[in-house]
Protein backbone atom coordinates (compact mmCIF):
# COMPACT_ATOMS: atom_id res chain seq x y z
CA MET A 1 -1.73 -9.57 -8.56
CA SER A 2 -1.98 -12.92 -6.89
CA GLY A 3 -5.46 -12.20 -5.57
CA THR A 4 -7.08 -10.88 -2.42
CA TYR A 5 -6.36 -12.33 0.98
CA LEU A 6 -8.29 -15.56 1.34
CA GLY A 7 -11.78 -15.00 2.65
CA MET A 8 -11.59 -11.21 2.76
CA PRO A 9 -15.00 -9.49 2.46
CA SER A 10 -15.62 -6.19 0.70
CA PHE A 11 -14.16 -3.09 2.32
CA PRO A 12 -17.42 -1.88 3.94
CA LYS A 13 -17.94 -5.23 5.66
CA ALA A 14 -14.33 -5.55 6.80
CA ALA A 15 -14.20 -1.93 7.98
CA HIS A 16 -17.45 -2.34 9.92
CA GLN A 17 -15.85 -5.16 11.90
CA ALA A 18 -12.56 -3.31 12.37
CA VAL A 19 -14.04 -0.12 13.84
CA GLY A 20 -15.51 -2.20 16.65
CA ASN A 21 -12.04 -3.30 17.79
CA ALA A 22 -11.08 -0.75 20.44
CA THR A 23 -7.51 -2.06 20.82
CA LEU A 24 -6.89 -1.87 17.09
CA ARG A 25 -8.20 1.69 16.88
CA ALA A 26 -6.06 2.79 19.83
CA ASN A 27 -2.93 1.23 18.33
CA LEU A 28 -3.56 2.83 14.95
CA LYS A 29 -4.39 6.27 16.33
CA HIS A 30 -1.28 6.42 18.49
CA ALA A 31 1.06 5.20 15.75
CA THR A 32 -0.29 7.23 12.82
CA HIS A 33 -0.53 10.48 14.77
CA THR A 34 3.02 10.07 16.08
CA ILE A 35 4.47 9.37 12.62
CA ARG A 36 2.61 12.13 10.82
CA ASP A 37 3.48 14.77 13.43
CA LYS A 38 7.18 13.90 13.14
CA ARG A 39 6.94 13.91 9.35
CA ALA A 40 5.42 17.38 9.32
CA LYS A 41 8.35 18.74 11.34
CA ALA A 42 10.93 17.01 9.13
CA VAL A 43 9.37 18.34 5.95
CA ALA A 44 9.08 21.87 7.37
CA GLU A 45 12.87 21.99 7.70
CA LEU A 46 13.26 22.14 3.89
CA ASP A 47 12.48 25.44 2.20
CA ASP A 48 12.50 23.74 -1.19
CA TRP A 49 10.17 20.86 -0.31
CA ALA A 50 7.57 21.93 -2.88
CA LEU A 51 10.26 22.02 -5.57
CA LEU A 52 11.54 18.57 -4.58
CA ARG A 53 8.00 17.25 -4.71
CA GLU A 54 7.48 18.66 -8.20
CA ALA A 55 10.85 17.31 -9.32
CA GLY A 56 9.94 13.84 -8.09
CA LYS A 57 6.64 14.00 -9.93
CA GLN A 58 8.25 15.07 -13.19
CA ILE A 59 11.02 12.47 -12.99
CA LYS A 60 8.49 9.71 -12.42
CA ASP A 61 6.17 10.90 -15.18
CA HIS A 62 9.05 11.17 -17.65
CA THR A 63 10.23 7.66 -16.74
CA LEU A 64 6.77 6.16 -17.14
CA ARG A 65 6.38 7.78 -20.57
CA HIS A 66 9.65 6.17 -21.68
CA LEU A 67 9.49 3.04 -19.54
CA ASP A 68 10.28 0.67 -22.42
CA THR A 69 13.51 2.50 -23.21
CA TYR A 70 14.74 2.66 -19.63
CA LEU A 71 13.91 -0.98 -18.89
CA VAL A 72 16.01 -2.13 -21.84
CA GLN A 73 18.83 0.16 -20.70
CA LEU A 74 18.56 -1.30 -17.18
CA GLU A 75 18.71 -4.88 -18.48
CA GLU A 76 21.82 -4.13 -20.52
CA ALA A 77 23.55 -2.47 -17.57
CA VAL A 78 22.69 -5.26 -15.10
CA THR A 79 23.84 -7.92 -17.55
CA ALA A 80 27.10 -6.07 -18.25
CA ALA A 81 27.76 -5.93 -14.50
CA GLY A 82 27.41 -9.69 -14.09
CA GLY A 83 23.74 -10.02 -13.17
CA VAL A 84 20.98 -11.99 -14.86
CA VAL A 85 17.63 -10.36 -15.68
CA HIS A 86 14.35 -12.29 -15.79
CA TRP A 87 10.99 -10.92 -16.99
CA ALA A 88 7.73 -11.98 -15.31
CA ALA A 89 4.36 -11.07 -16.80
CA ASP A 90 2.40 -11.96 -13.67
CA ALA A 91 2.65 -13.31 -10.13
CA ASP A 92 2.62 -16.97 -11.12
CA GLU A 93 5.49 -16.54 -13.55
CA ALA A 94 7.52 -14.56 -11.02
CA ASN A 95 6.99 -17.21 -8.36
CA ARG A 96 8.02 -19.97 -10.75
CA ILE A 97 11.21 -18.12 -11.66
CA VAL A 98 12.24 -17.44 -8.07
CA THR A 99 11.38 -20.97 -6.92
CA ARG A 100 13.46 -22.43 -9.74
CA LEU A 101 16.42 -20.16 -8.96
CA VAL A 102 16.39 -21.16 -5.29
CA LYS A 103 16.12 -24.86 -6.10
CA GLU A 104 19.07 -24.60 -8.49
CA THR A 105 21.24 -23.55 -5.53
CA GLY A 106 20.30 -26.72 -3.65
CA GLU A 107 19.15 -24.69 -0.63
CA SER A 108 15.87 -25.09 1.24
CA GLU A 109 15.73 -21.77 3.09
CA VAL A 110 16.13 -18.08 2.27
CA VAL A 111 16.36 -14.82 4.21
CA LYS A 112 14.29 -11.90 2.99
CA VAL A 113 14.50 -8.13 3.05
CA LYS A 114 11.14 -6.40 3.54
CA SER A 115 9.55 -6.32 0.08
CA MET A 116 6.10 -5.21 -0.98
CA ALA A 117 6.55 -6.84 -4.39
CA THR A 118 7.15 -10.31 -2.95
CA GLN A 119 4.11 -9.92 -0.71
CA GLU A 120 2.08 -8.77 -3.71
CA ILE A 121 2.84 -11.94 -5.65
CA GLY A 122 2.54 -14.28 -2.63
CA LEU A 123 6.15 -15.45 -2.89
CA ASN A 124 6.46 -16.82 0.65
CA GLU A 125 3.48 -19.09 0.10
CA ALA A 126 4.83 -20.25 -3.26
CA LEU A 127 8.22 -21.07 -1.74
CA GLU A 128 6.59 -22.90 1.16
CA ALA A 129 4.59 -25.03 -1.30
CA ALA A 130 7.91 -25.97 -2.92
CA GLY A 131 9.46 -26.96 0.41
CA ILE A 132 11.51 -23.77 0.84
CA ALA A 133 11.38 -21.80 4.12
CA ALA A 134 11.41 -18.01 3.71
CA TYR A 135 12.43 -16.04 6.80
CA GLU A 136 11.44 -12.38 7.11
CA THR A 137 14.18 -10.31 8.74
CA ASP A 138 12.59 -6.87 9.08
CA LEU A 139 11.43 -6.54 12.70
CA ALA A 140 7.84 -5.68 11.86
CA GLU A 141 7.66 -8.36 9.14
CA LEU A 142 9.10 -10.86 11.64
CA ILE A 143 6.32 -9.98 14.08
CA VAL A 144 3.72 -10.51 11.36
CA GLN A 145 5.25 -13.81 10.25
CA LEU A 146 5.62 -15.22 13.78
CA GLY A 147 2.07 -14.15 14.57
CA HIS A 148 0.67 -15.94 11.47
CA ASP A 149 -0.71 -12.52 10.60
CA ARG A 150 -0.91 -10.17 7.61
CA PRO A 151 0.79 -6.79 7.16
CA SER A 152 -1.48 -3.80 7.78
CA HIS A 153 0.78 -0.88 6.86
CA ILE A 154 3.30 -0.23 4.08
CA LEU A 155 6.07 1.07 6.32
CA VAL A 156 5.15 -0.49 9.68
CA PRO A 157 3.50 -3.85 8.84
CA ALA A 158 2.79 -4.64 12.50
CA ILE A 159 1.32 -1.23 13.34
CA HIS A 160 -1.85 -2.94 14.57
CA ARG A 161 0.10 -4.71 17.36
CA ASN A 162 1.11 -3.20 20.69
CA ARG A 163 4.17 -4.14 22.74
CA GLY A 164 2.32 -6.58 24.96
CA GLU A 165 0.99 -8.47 21.97
CA ILE A 166 4.47 -8.58 20.41
CA ARG A 167 6.01 -9.97 23.58
CA ASP A 168 3.42 -12.73 23.70
CA ILE A 169 4.04 -13.61 20.04
CA PHE A 170 7.81 -13.78 20.55
CA ALA A 171 7.52 -15.90 23.68
CA LYS A 172 5.12 -18.36 22.04
CA GLU A 173 6.41 -18.61 18.47
CA MET A 174 10.13 -17.90 18.25
CA GLY A 175 11.11 -21.39 19.37
CA GLU A 176 9.13 -22.91 16.51
CA TRP A 177 11.07 -20.86 13.94
CA GLY A 178 14.57 -21.01 15.42
CA ARG A 179 16.21 -19.55 18.51
CA PRO A 180 13.56 -19.10 21.23
CA ALA A 181 12.89 -15.84 23.03
CA PRO A 182 14.84 -15.24 26.28
CA GLU A 183 13.22 -16.34 29.53
CA GLY A 184 11.33 -13.58 31.29
CA LEU A 185 11.04 -11.41 28.17
CA THR A 186 9.29 -8.11 28.93
CA ASP A 187 7.56 -5.71 26.56
CA THR A 188 10.24 -3.01 26.68
CA PRO A 189 11.37 -2.03 23.16
CA ALA A 190 15.04 -2.73 23.89
CA GLU A 191 14.35 -6.28 25.08
CA LEU A 192 12.03 -7.04 22.16
CA ALA A 193 14.59 -5.74 19.67
CA GLU A 194 17.37 -7.77 21.30
CA ALA A 195 15.25 -10.93 21.19
CA ALA A 196 14.68 -10.38 17.48
CA ARG A 197 18.38 -9.68 16.87
CA LEU A 198 19.47 -12.91 18.55
CA HIS A 199 16.77 -14.90 16.76
CA LEU A 200 17.74 -13.55 13.33
CA ARG A 201 21.53 -13.56 13.68
CA GLU A 202 21.82 -17.33 13.26
CA LYS A 203 19.69 -17.13 10.11
CA PHE A 204 21.84 -14.38 8.60
CA LEU A 205 25.02 -16.37 9.17
CA ARG A 206 23.55 -19.62 7.85
CA ALA A 207 21.61 -18.51 4.78
CA LYS A 208 23.11 -19.05 1.33
CA VAL A 209 20.27 -17.31 -0.55
CA GLY A 210 18.84 -13.83 0.02
CA ILE A 211 15.70 -12.35 -1.52
CA SER A 212 15.02 -8.63 -1.71
CA GLY A 213 12.96 -6.02 -3.43
CA ALA A 214 14.29 -2.58 -4.30
CA ASN A 215 13.19 0.96 -3.63
CA PHE A 216 14.82 2.18 -6.82
CA MET A 217 16.70 0.90 -9.88
CA VAL A 218 19.06 3.21 -11.78
CA ALA A 219 18.86 2.58 -15.50
CA GLU A 220 22.17 4.13 -16.53
CA THR A 221 24.29 1.89 -14.28
CA GLY A 222 22.08 -1.10 -13.44
CA THR A 223 22.30 -0.21 -9.75
CA LEU A 224 19.64 -1.34 -7.27
CA VAL A 225 18.90 0.60 -4.09
CA VAL A 226 17.36 -0.50 -0.79
CA VAL A 227 16.74 2.01 2.00
CA GLU A 228 16.00 0.74 5.52
CA SER A 229 16.36 1.57 9.19
CA GLU A 230 17.50 -1.61 10.93
CA GLY A 231 20.53 -3.05 9.15
CA ASN A 232 18.84 -6.37 8.42
CA GLY A 233 18.67 -5.44 4.77
CA ARG A 234 22.41 -4.99 4.52
CA MET A 235 22.92 -8.41 6.13
CA CYS A 236 20.62 -10.04 3.58
CA LEU A 237 22.18 -8.18 0.67
CA THR A 238 25.82 -8.93 1.49
CA LEU A 239 26.14 -12.26 3.34
CA PRO A 240 24.35 -14.81 1.08
CA GLU A 241 26.12 -16.34 -1.91
CA THR A 242 23.07 -15.80 -4.15
CA LEU A 243 20.86 -12.70 -4.22
CA ILE A 244 17.48 -12.63 -5.98
CA SER A 245 15.77 -9.24 -6.26
CA VAL A 246 12.09 -9.09 -7.21
CA VAL A 247 11.11 -5.59 -8.35
CA GLY A 248 8.15 -3.96 -10.09
CA ILE A 249 8.99 -2.42 -13.44
CA GLU A 250 7.90 1.05 -12.25
CA LYS A 251 10.68 1.31 -9.63
CA ILE A 252 13.16 2.58 -12.20
CA VAL A 253 14.78 6.03 -12.43
CA PRO A 254 16.92 7.12 -15.37
CA THR A 255 20.06 8.48 -13.67
CA TRP A 256 21.95 8.84 -10.41
CA ARG A 257 21.07 12.51 -10.35
CA ASP A 258 17.37 11.58 -10.36
CA LEU A 259 17.96 9.30 -7.38
CA GLU A 260 19.19 12.29 -5.38
CA VAL A 261 15.68 13.76 -5.25
CA PHE A 262 14.06 10.65 -3.81
CA LEU A 263 16.77 10.06 -1.23
CA GLN A 264 15.71 13.41 0.23
CA THR A 265 11.94 13.00 0.03
CA LEU A 266 11.48 9.31 0.91
CA PRO A 267 13.05 9.30 4.41
CA ARG A 268 11.26 12.46 5.50
CA SER A 269 7.90 11.26 4.19
CA SER A 270 8.16 7.76 5.64
CA THR A 271 10.13 7.68 8.90
CA ALA A 272 10.46 11.47 9.37
CA GLU A 273 14.25 11.14 9.20
CA ARG A 274 16.53 13.57 7.39
CA MET A 275 18.40 10.58 6.03
CA ASN A 276 17.62 6.90 6.40
CA PRO A 277 20.16 4.97 8.51
CA TYR A 278 21.03 2.37 5.84
CA THR A 279 21.20 2.97 2.09
CA SER A 280 22.47 -0.16 0.33
CA MET A 281 23.38 -0.04 -3.36
CA TRP A 282 24.73 -2.81 -5.55
CA THR A 283 25.59 -3.13 -9.21
CA GLY A 284 25.83 -6.70 -10.49
CA THR A 285 28.49 -8.84 -8.81
CA THR A 286 32.18 -8.59 -7.86
CA ASP A 287 34.75 -11.29 -7.20
CA THR A 288 35.73 -10.07 -3.77
CA ASP A 289 32.58 -8.82 -2.06
CA GLY A 290 28.92 -9.67 -1.63
CA PRO A 291 26.86 -12.34 -3.42
CA GLN A 292 28.61 -14.11 -6.28
CA THR A 293 25.36 -14.64 -8.19
CA PHE A 294 22.73 -11.93 -8.74
CA HIS A 295 19.31 -12.34 -10.36
CA LEU A 296 16.88 -9.49 -11.04
CA VAL A 297 13.25 -10.52 -11.58
CA LEU A 298 11.26 -7.68 -13.14
CA ILE A 299 7.52 -8.06 -12.66
CA ASP A 300 4.65 -6.50 -14.58
CA ASN A 301 1.63 -8.04 -12.84
CA GLY A 302 -0.88 -5.43 -14.00
CA ARG A 303 1.47 -2.47 -14.24
CA THR A 304 1.34 -2.21 -18.03
CA ASP A 305 -2.46 -2.12 -17.91
CA THR A 306 -2.27 0.59 -15.26
CA LEU A 307 0.18 2.55 -17.39
CA ALA A 308 -2.34 2.57 -20.25
CA ASP A 309 -4.82 4.57 -18.11
CA GLU A 310 -3.98 8.25 -18.48
CA VAL A 311 -5.57 9.17 -15.14
CA GLY A 312 -4.81 6.05 -13.12
CA ARG A 313 -1.17 5.70 -14.19
CA GLN A 314 -0.06 8.33 -11.67
CA ALA A 315 -0.41 5.63 -9.01
CA LEU A 316 2.78 4.13 -10.46
CA ARG A 317 4.71 7.18 -9.21
CA CYS A 318 4.34 5.82 -5.68
CA ILE A 319 7.62 5.40 -3.76
CA ARG A 320 5.93 3.48 -0.91
CA CYS A 321 6.52 6.09 1.79
CA SER A 322 3.10 5.46 3.46
CA ALA A 323 2.55 9.16 4.26
CA CYS A 324 -0.96 8.92 2.82
CA LEU A 325 -1.89 6.14 5.26
CA ASN A 326 -0.81 8.16 8.26
CA VAL A 327 -3.10 11.11 7.48
CA CYS A 328 -6.11 9.16 6.21
CA PRO A 329 -9.12 9.25 8.59
CA VAL A 330 -10.53 6.09 6.99
CA TYR A 331 -7.32 4.08 7.40
CA GLU A 332 -6.92 5.28 10.98
CA ARG A 333 -10.28 3.80 11.92
CA ALA A 334 -10.48 0.74 9.67
CA GLY A 335 -6.86 -0.43 9.68
CA GLY A 336 -4.93 -2.03 6.86
CA HIS A 337 -6.49 -5.50 6.84
CA ALA A 338 -9.84 -4.13 5.70
CA TYR A 339 -8.34 -3.29 2.29
CA GLY A 340 -7.77 -6.98 1.48
CA SER A 341 -4.43 -6.24 -0.17
CA VAL A 342 -0.77 -5.87 0.64
CA TYR A 343 -1.27 -2.21 -0.33
CA PRO A 344 -3.62 -0.63 2.26
CA GLY A 345 -4.77 2.92 2.76
CA PRO A 346 -5.38 5.56 0.09
CA ILE A 347 -2.64 4.34 -2.27
CA GLY A 348 -3.97 0.79 -1.97
CA ALA A 349 -7.47 2.01 -2.79
CA ILE A 350 -6.25 3.17 -6.21
CA LEU A 351 -3.37 0.76 -6.85
CA SER A 352 -4.94 -2.62 -6.03
CA PRO A 353 -8.05 -2.17 -8.23
CA GLN A 354 -5.81 -1.25 -11.15
CA LEU A 355 -3.34 -4.10 -10.71
CA ARG A 356 -6.04 -6.70 -10.03
CA GLY A 357 -9.03 -5.25 -11.86
CA THR A 358 -12.41 -4.50 -10.30
CA ALA A 359 -14.16 -7.81 -10.96
CA SER A 360 -14.06 -8.97 -7.32
CA GLU A 361 -16.34 -7.53 -4.65
CA ILE A 362 -13.48 -6.14 -2.59
CA ASP A 363 -11.66 -4.51 -5.52
CA ALA A 364 -14.89 -2.89 -6.70
CA SER A 365 -15.39 -1.47 -3.20
CA LEU A 366 -11.88 -0.04 -2.69
CA PRO A 367 -12.36 3.18 -4.71
CA TYR A 368 -15.16 4.03 -2.28
CA ALA A 369 -12.91 3.55 0.78
CA SER A 370 -12.30 7.27 1.11
CA SER A 371 -13.94 10.47 2.26
CA LEU A 372 -12.17 12.37 -0.59
CA CYS A 373 -10.83 14.84 1.99
CA GLY A 374 -7.61 15.27 0.00
CA ALA A 375 -5.17 14.90 2.91
CA CYS A 376 -3.42 12.07 1.05
CA TYR A 377 -2.66 14.29 -1.93
CA GLU A 378 -1.31 17.06 0.29
CA VAL A 379 1.36 14.82 1.86
CA CYS A 380 2.31 12.71 -1.17
CA PRO A 381 5.99 13.41 -2.00
CA VAL A 382 5.38 12.70 -5.71
CA ALA A 383 2.05 14.56 -5.91
CA ILE A 384 -0.23 11.65 -6.75
CA ASP A 385 -3.74 13.11 -6.90
CA ILE A 386 -5.35 10.16 -5.14
CA PRO A 387 -8.84 11.75 -4.90
CA GLU A 388 -8.83 12.29 -8.67
CA VAL A 389 -7.97 8.65 -9.31
CA LEU A 390 -10.54 7.46 -6.77
CA VAL A 391 -13.33 9.33 -8.56
CA HIS A 392 -12.03 8.04 -11.90
CA LEU A 393 -12.14 4.44 -10.64
CA ARG A 394 -15.59 4.94 -9.15
CA GLU A 395 -16.82 5.87 -12.61
CA LYS A 396 -15.33 2.65 -13.98
CA VAL A 397 -16.96 0.55 -11.27
CA ALA A 398 -20.31 2.24 -11.87
CA ASP A 399 -20.03 1.66 -15.62
CA GLN A 400 -19.54 -2.07 -15.15
CA GLY A 401 -22.97 -2.27 -13.56
CA GLY A 402 -24.30 -4.24 -10.63
CA LYS A 403 -27.55 -4.09 -8.67
CA GLY A 404 -26.62 -1.04 -6.61
CA HIS A 405 -25.38 0.95 -9.57
CA HIS A 406 -28.47 0.14 -11.67
CA LEU A 407 -30.67 1.49 -8.88
CA GLU A 408 -28.47 4.54 -8.55
CA LYS A 409 -28.71 5.27 -12.27
CA ALA A 410 -32.49 4.91 -12.12
CA ALA A 411 -32.65 7.30 -9.16
CA ILE A 412 -30.44 9.87 -10.89
CA LYS A 413 -32.59 9.65 -14.01
CA ALA A 414 -35.75 10.24 -11.96
CA VAL A 415 -34.19 13.19 -10.15
CA GLY A 416 -33.08 14.63 -13.48
CA TRP A 417 -36.64 14.49 -14.80
CA VAL A 418 -38.00 16.25 -11.70
CA LEU A 419 -35.38 19.00 -11.91
CA ASP A 420 -36.30 19.54 -15.56
CA HIS A 421 -39.97 20.11 -14.59
CA PRO A 422 -40.26 22.98 -12.06
CA GLY A 423 -43.94 22.42 -11.46
CA ALA A 424 -43.41 18.82 -10.39
CA LEU A 425 -40.48 19.89 -8.17
CA ALA A 426 -42.57 22.60 -6.44
CA ALA A 427 -45.46 20.19 -5.84
CA GLY A 428 -43.08 17.61 -4.38
CA GLU A 429 -41.52 20.17 -2.06
CA ARG A 430 -44.93 21.22 -0.71
CA VAL A 431 -45.97 17.61 -0.07
CA ALA A 432 -42.67 16.90 1.67
CA ALA A 433 -43.04 19.98 3.89
CA LYS A 434 -46.61 19.14 4.95
CA THR A 435 -45.69 15.54 5.82
CA ARG A 436 -42.40 16.31 7.53
CA LYS A 437 -43.51 15.03 10.94
CA LEU A 438 -44.02 11.60 9.41
CA HIS A 439 -40.53 11.39 7.88
CA PRO A 440 -38.23 8.66 9.30
CA ARG A 441 -34.77 9.50 10.65
CA LYS A 442 -33.26 6.57 8.75
CA LEU A 443 -33.78 5.30 5.23
CA PRO A 444 -34.98 1.72 4.76
CA GLY A 445 -33.36 -1.00 2.70
CA PRO A 446 -29.79 -2.28 2.18
CA GLY A 447 -28.97 0.45 -0.36
CA ALA A 448 -30.12 3.82 0.94
CA GLY A 449 -30.09 2.43 4.48
CA GLN A 450 -26.30 2.14 4.29
CA TRP A 451 -26.05 5.90 4.00
CA THR A 452 -28.06 6.59 7.14
CA ASN A 453 -26.41 3.93 9.29
CA SER A 454 -24.00 6.61 10.50
CA ARG A 455 -25.95 9.82 9.87
CA ASP A 456 -29.47 11.23 10.24
CA LEU A 457 -31.54 12.60 7.39
CA PRO A 458 -31.72 16.41 7.42
CA GLU A 459 -34.86 17.83 8.97
CA MET A 460 -37.39 19.10 6.42
CA PRO A 461 -38.28 22.84 6.82
CA ALA A 462 -41.84 23.90 7.56
CA GLU A 463 -42.29 25.33 4.05
CA PRO A 464 -40.40 25.20 0.77
CA PHE A 465 -37.92 27.99 0.07
CA ARG A 466 -39.91 29.03 -3.02
CA ASP A 467 -43.02 29.71 -0.91
CA TRP A 468 -41.01 31.53 1.78
CA TRP A 469 -39.44 33.78 -0.89
CA LYS A 470 -42.83 34.70 -2.36
CA LYS A 471 -44.13 35.74 1.04
CA ASN A 472 -41.03 37.62 2.25
CA ARG A 473 -39.38 38.95 -0.90
CA THR A 474 -41.65 40.73 -3.40
């Protein structure tokens, strides 16, 4: 990946700051509870949901096992349909390709469909450095861009903002980016949406280049699929003369029949809709409709390394529905920015450390950003066992060492010795019981002290269980 957000601390530090923001916590609680309650009702309508979930899992696993074959098939199909396929090993290469393609058109601005992949590689910043303005057209992404902010949710990037904050952003910033907000703008949803529509319409009609991601790519036909709820995606995909799609190599499915499964599970898991309002599909180019030039940029950026991990590779099943974020108690309290990645929440805690590695402080901390309650696994529409991967990644982080992990290993070794020597254990228990009134409620130091910052030590009983048993059970 292109790296963590500039200046982001490790997750524990960022989360500690976030939980003190009462407005943020209120916004997150209201939004996540609303979305997950609606999702539960939408999923309950399908008697075969468990079968669809298993089908999605098996399709994704099969595709990942044969990814090389299906990617070649996709390239051949896209090329035959009039498109051009580019391969990018990492974020820098992808950014260079896209920047070059835009410059070759002679244009200095582009309109964008909401895309996690382009955020992952830092495309907007790369285009800006090359003198190209990139305009986000998804309502939530527009809010984030106008507010000089960062996304905090996969599905609803501006979930951390309330209506009053959005109104203030529109009133202050829209004029700097194009058409200003109407005079006397209120915070009613209809007025905010209308202000965004008027602001974006001139950009849609003027832009010659569009940039998108894709929710799915169908190998057998070379078809790309974008699902969305606002219609901005369809404007970006059909009006510009040139379309550049930047997509991770794992977003592929073998056949149209496979796509059917995900078009049932994705809307219900993400927006709690039976069917998403806009499903746009395109295959190459045609002479009479849509963009006349189509480029597909396929990015690896750590995905091949992730695929090599037999436990961690299941993260590549993800269809970006965000259901795991909406049920996660840690995300609800810490918010998305604390994860230091475009991928927040439980899926981000396992995906980012695999795509970027665990060398940085924040990536090493992400596998610990979970209570392991398992709620994320229960709602995942492709059955990613996120707790299993979290524990797996924790083992990797521990194996790479560090001051805290060295101390932990020493402590475990000492405890192991005591447990292997019953006499020493019994003597220690008796000493602990006799001195229990002197025990502190909190542990000292930056290591053990972290554990008792939010919990008290258990109270020591008056006598060890062994002694009680001898006196009461002969």
